[in-house]
Amino acid sequence: MLNNLNHIALILDGNKRWAKLKNQTNLFGYNKGFENIKNIVDYSISKEIPNLTLFTLSSENFNRKSINIIYDIIYKNFSKIFNHLIKEKGVKVKIFGSRNKLPKKILEIFERIETSSLNNNKLNLNIAFNYGFKDEIKNILKLASQKKNNINFEDENEINKLFFLGSLPDPDILIRTGGYRRLSNFIMYNLTYTELFFTKTLWPDFSEKEFNSIIDQYFKIERKYGL
């Protein structure tokens, strides 16, 4: 583990803008962004970072026309890249967010990858797909109302387990690529004391060098947790 760095979260933004700058199609941009996921996961493993959480598709963007491009990329590339991460690298994959309205083939791919990686422990890779924090809260409130008095709200561990990230440590660092300085409805319960880094670099160009530079900046911060 890199000096007690437990968890890094990333909002992957800028694939389409990157493609436009290159006079390429959105498909080309998303493919490059998808390839970069593998690069950053490999680098995180080399740095012995145990938890990595990626925001790949928000629930707000789910109805965009580009969703069909993303599906096509998953059909053609998802299994290949994640077989590398699961079988060769020992990554455990968890995909969270709403699975309503997802095509059956996508659901089967997700379920196969999660099941086949269940016993891996090299790195926990959490992928937010069709996810929104407000939707997560709504689901938790429904669950709490159904369980009524069975939840001990004085027990923080029990509350944590209601959220998608469960008992994993909160992210130490959140990195958002693409230039926008906002959280965009992403795991806000888990970001209460997370150090936030925003870069203008578009996701396909986000490099190991810049990733390492942000980590170096993080270790120069005196974290007081409100004290």
Protein backbone atom coordinates (compact mmCIF):
# COMPACT_ATOMS: atom_id res chain seq x y z
CA MET A 1 0.00 0.00 0.00
CA LEU A 2 1.34 3.44 -0.96
CA ASN A 3 1.94 5.16 2.39
CA ASN A 4 -1.50 4.24 3.72
CA LEU A 5 -3.32 5.46 0.59
CA ASN A 6 -6.41 3.24 0.72
CA HIS A 7 -8.81 4.44 -1.93
CA ILE A 8 -8.84 6.67 -5.01
CA ALA A 9 -12.00 7.68 -6.90
CA LEU A 10 -12.07 9.12 -10.42
CA ILE A 11 -14.74 10.85 -12.49
CA LEU A 12 -13.84 10.00 -16.08
CA ASP A 13 -14.83 13.02 -18.14
CA GLY A 14 -13.89 14.27 -21.60
CA ASN A 15 -14.03 11.35 -24.04
CA LYS A 16 -16.28 13.08 -26.60
CA ARG A 17 -14.46 16.42 -26.35
CA TRP A 18 -11.16 14.60 -26.83
CA ALA A 19 -12.52 12.92 -29.96
CA LYS A 20 -13.77 16.24 -31.34
CA LEU A 21 -10.34 17.84 -30.86
CA LYS A 22 -8.82 14.93 -32.77
CA ASN A 23 -11.44 15.15 -35.54
CA GLN A 24 -12.49 11.63 -34.66
CA THR A 25 -15.80 9.95 -33.93
CA ASN A 26 -17.34 9.62 -30.48
CA LEU A 27 -16.75 5.87 -30.81
CA PHE A 28 -13.03 6.48 -31.19
CA GLY A 29 -13.01 8.73 -28.11
CA TYR A 30 -14.89 6.26 -25.94
CA ASN A 31 -12.60 3.45 -27.07
CA LYS A 32 -9.54 5.46 -26.06
CA GLY A 33 -11.14 6.29 -22.74
CA PHE A 34 -11.96 2.64 -22.18
CA GLU A 35 -8.35 1.64 -22.90
CA ASN A 36 -7.17 4.19 -20.38
CA ILE A 37 -9.18 2.47 -17.63
CA LYS A 38 -6.92 -0.54 -18.05
CA ASN A 39 -3.81 1.67 -17.91
CA ILE A 40 -4.86 3.38 -14.68
CA VAL A 41 -5.91 0.12 -13.05
CA ASP A 42 -2.56 -1.47 -13.94
CA TYR A 43 -0.74 1.55 -12.53
CA SER A 44 -2.81 1.47 -9.33
CA ILE A 45 -1.88 -2.19 -8.87
CA SER A 46 1.80 -1.35 -9.31
CA LYS A 47 1.44 1.28 -6.57
CA GLU A 48 -0.41 -1.23 -4.34
CA ILE A 49 -3.51 0.96 -4.05
CA PRO A 50 -6.16 -1.46 -2.72
CA ASN A 51 -9.37 0.34 -3.81
CA LEU A 52 -10.21 2.21 -7.00
CA THR A 53 -13.68 3.59 -7.82
CA LEU A 54 -14.50 4.89 -11.31
CA PHE A 55 -17.53 6.96 -12.37
CA THR A 56 -18.09 5.80 -15.94
CA LEU A 57 -21.75 6.64 -16.64
CA SER A 58 -24.17 8.78 -14.66
CA SER A 59 -27.88 8.09 -14.46
CA GLU A 60 -28.42 11.57 -15.96
CA ASN A 61 -26.42 10.59 -19.08
CA PHE A 62 -28.06 7.20 -19.44
CA ASN A 63 -30.61 8.45 -21.99
CA ARG A 64 -28.08 10.13 -24.28
CA LYS A 65 -27.81 8.87 -27.85
CA SER A 66 -24.20 7.90 -27.12
CA ILE A 67 -25.38 5.14 -24.78
CA ASN A 68 -25.59 2.78 -27.78
CA ILE A 69 -21.93 3.50 -28.57
CA ILE A 70 -21.02 2.60 -24.99
CA TYR A 71 -23.01 -0.63 -25.26
CA ASP A 72 -21.16 -1.54 -28.47
CA ILE A 73 -17.80 -0.96 -26.78
CA ILE A 74 -18.83 -3.15 -23.86
CA TYR A 75 -19.97 -5.91 -26.23
CA LYS A 76 -16.70 -5.86 -28.16
CA ASN A 77 -14.06 -4.96 -25.56
CA PHE A 78 -15.33 -5.24 -21.99
CA SER A 79 -14.79 -8.96 -21.54
CA LYS A 80 -11.33 -8.90 -23.15
CA ILE A 81 -10.00 -6.05 -21.02
CA PHE A 82 -11.53 -7.31 -17.82
CA ASN A 83 -10.33 -10.84 -18.41
CA HIS A 84 -6.85 -9.33 -18.37
CA LEU A 85 -7.56 -7.55 -15.10
CA ILE A 86 -9.34 -10.49 -13.48
CA LYS A 87 -7.30 -13.49 -14.64
CA GLU A 88 -3.86 -11.93 -14.99
CA LYS A 89 -3.94 -9.15 -12.41
CA GLY A 90 -6.24 -10.57 -9.72
CA VAL A 91 -8.66 -7.62 -9.66
CA LYS A 92 -12.04 -7.93 -7.94
CA VAL A 93 -14.73 -6.05 -9.87
CA LYS A 94 -17.96 -4.59 -8.49
CA ILE A 95 -20.33 -2.70 -10.80
CA PHE A 96 -22.90 -0.53 -9.05
CA GLY A 97 -25.80 1.65 -10.10
CA SER A 98 -29.26 0.95 -11.48
CA ARG A 99 -29.55 -2.12 -13.70
CA ASN A 100 -33.09 -1.31 -14.72
CA LYS A 101 -33.49 -1.01 -18.50
CA LEU A 102 -29.99 -2.37 -19.20
CA PRO A 103 -29.91 -4.82 -22.13
CA LYS A 104 -29.85 -8.47 -21.14
CA LYS A 105 -26.47 -8.99 -22.80
CA ILE A 106 -24.95 -6.16 -20.75
CA LEU A 107 -26.37 -7.62 -17.55
CA GLU A 108 -24.90 -11.02 -18.41
CA ILE A 109 -21.46 -9.50 -19.04
CA PHE A 110 -21.54 -7.58 -15.76
CA GLU A 111 -22.70 -10.59 -13.76
CA ARG A 112 -20.07 -12.87 -15.32
CA ILE A 113 -17.26 -10.46 -14.54
CA GLU A 114 -18.38 -9.90 -10.95
CA THR A 115 -18.82 -13.62 -10.31
CA SER A 116 -15.51 -14.65 -11.87
CA SER A 117 -13.59 -12.03 -9.85
CA LEU A 118 -15.34 -12.60 -6.53
CA ASN A 119 -12.38 -14.25 -4.80
CA ASN A 120 -9.69 -11.91 -6.16
CA ASN A 121 -7.93 -9.58 -3.72
CA LYS A 122 -5.22 -7.69 -5.59
CA LEU A 123 -7.36 -4.56 -6.01
CA ASN A 124 -11.05 -3.75 -5.52
CA LEU A 125 -12.28 -2.06 -8.71
CA ASN A 126 -15.68 -0.41 -8.25
CA ILE A 127 -17.36 0.83 -11.41
CA ALA A 128 -20.32 3.23 -11.21
CA PHE A 129 -22.49 2.63 -14.29
CA ASN A 130 -25.90 4.26 -14.67
CA TYR A 131 -25.33 5.62 -11.17
CA GLY A 132 -26.57 8.71 -9.34
CA PHE A 133 -26.17 9.53 -5.66
CA LYS A 134 -29.74 10.82 -5.34
CA ASP A 135 -31.03 7.51 -6.72
CA GLU A 136 -28.83 5.66 -4.22
CA ILE A 137 -30.32 7.68 -1.34
CA LYS A 138 -33.87 6.99 -2.56
CA ASN A 139 -33.16 3.25 -2.63
CA ILE A 140 -31.66 3.36 0.87
CA LEU A 141 -34.70 5.22 2.25
CA LYS A 142 -36.98 2.59 0.71
CA LEU A 143 -34.87 -0.17 2.22
CA ALA A 144 -34.83 1.53 5.63
CA SER A 145 -38.62 1.93 5.60
CA GLN A 146 -39.06 -1.74 4.77
CA LYS A 147 -36.73 -2.89 7.54
CA LYS A 148 -38.23 -0.41 10.00
CA ASN A 149 -36.61 -1.06 13.39
CA ASN A 150 -34.09 -3.62 12.16
CA ILE A 151 -31.44 -0.98 11.34
CA ASN A 152 -29.33 0.41 14.16
CA PHE A 153 -28.77 4.02 13.08
CA GLU A 154 -26.31 4.50 15.96
CA ASP A 155 -23.97 1.96 14.32
CA GLU A 156 -21.94 3.66 11.57
CA ASN A 157 -20.81 0.33 10.13
CA GLU A 158 -24.40 -0.77 9.74
CA ILE A 159 -25.29 2.48 7.96
CA ASN A 160 -22.27 2.18 5.67
CA LYS A 161 -23.44 -1.23 4.51
CA LEU A 162 -26.60 0.34 3.11
CA PHE A 163 -24.52 2.17 0.49
CA PHE A 164 -23.02 0.62 -2.64
CA LEU A 165 -19.43 0.96 -1.42
CA GLY A 166 -20.37 -0.73 1.84
CA SER A 167 -17.60 -1.09 4.37
CA LEU A 168 -14.79 0.02 2.06
CA PRO A 169 -12.81 3.01 3.37
CA ASP A 170 -13.92 6.37 1.99
CA PRO A 171 -11.80 7.66 -0.90
CA ASP A 172 -8.71 9.57 0.20
CA ILE A 173 -8.57 11.27 -3.20
CA LEU A 174 -11.16 12.16 -5.84
CA ILE A 175 -9.85 13.11 -9.27
CA ARG A 176 -12.10 14.58 -11.94
CA THR A 177 -10.72 14.92 -15.45
CA GLY A 178 -12.13 17.14 -18.18
CA GLY A 179 -12.00 20.60 -16.56
CA TYR A 180 -15.32 20.76 -14.72
CA ARG A 181 -15.15 21.41 -10.99
CA ARG A 182 -18.19 19.60 -9.66
CA LEU A 183 -19.11 16.23 -8.15
CA SER A 184 -22.00 15.50 -10.53
CA ASN A 185 -24.09 13.39 -8.15
CA PHE A 186 -21.25 10.94 -7.37
CA ILE A 187 -20.93 8.94 -4.07
CA MET A 188 -21.29 12.08 -1.95
CA TYR A 189 -21.87 10.15 1.26
CA ASN A 190 -18.38 8.72 0.85
CA LEU A 191 -16.63 12.01 0.00
CA THR A 192 -17.10 13.94 3.24
CA TYR A 193 -13.36 14.31 3.92
CA THR A 194 -11.96 13.33 0.55
CA GLU A 195 -9.30 15.58 -1.01
CA LEU A 196 -10.61 16.86 -4.36
CA PHE A 197 -8.44 17.32 -7.44
CA PHE A 198 -9.73 18.74 -10.72
CA THR A 199 -7.67 18.60 -13.90
CA LYS A 200 -8.32 20.08 -17.35
CA THR A 201 -6.83 16.96 -18.92
CA LEU A 202 -9.43 15.03 -20.89
CA TRP A 203 -9.79 11.43 -19.72
CA PRO A 204 -8.13 9.67 -22.70
CA ASP A 205 -5.02 11.82 -22.12
CA PHE A 206 -4.90 11.33 -18.34
CA SER A 207 -1.54 9.68 -17.77
CA GLU A 208 0.28 7.72 -15.12
CA LYS A 209 2.59 10.73 -14.74
CA GLU A 210 -0.28 13.08 -13.88
CA PHE A 211 -1.86 10.44 -11.65
CA ASN A 212 1.38 10.13 -9.72
CA SER A 213 1.74 13.92 -9.52
CA ILE A 214 -1.70 14.20 -7.88
CA ILE A 215 -0.78 11.46 -5.41
CA ASP A 216 2.40 13.40 -4.55
CA GLN A 217 0.31 16.55 -3.98
CA TYR A 218 -2.02 14.60 -1.74
CA PHE A 219 0.80 13.54 0.57
CA LYS A 220 1.78 17.20 1.08
CA ILE A 221 -1.68 17.98 2.53
CA GLU A 222 -2.06 18.07 6.30
CA ARG A 223 -5.38 16.28 6.77
CA LYS A 224 -7.17 17.46 9.94
CA TYR A 225 -10.65 15.99 9.36
CA GLY A 226 -12.37 19.14 10.62
CA LEU A 227 -10.25 19.43 13.77
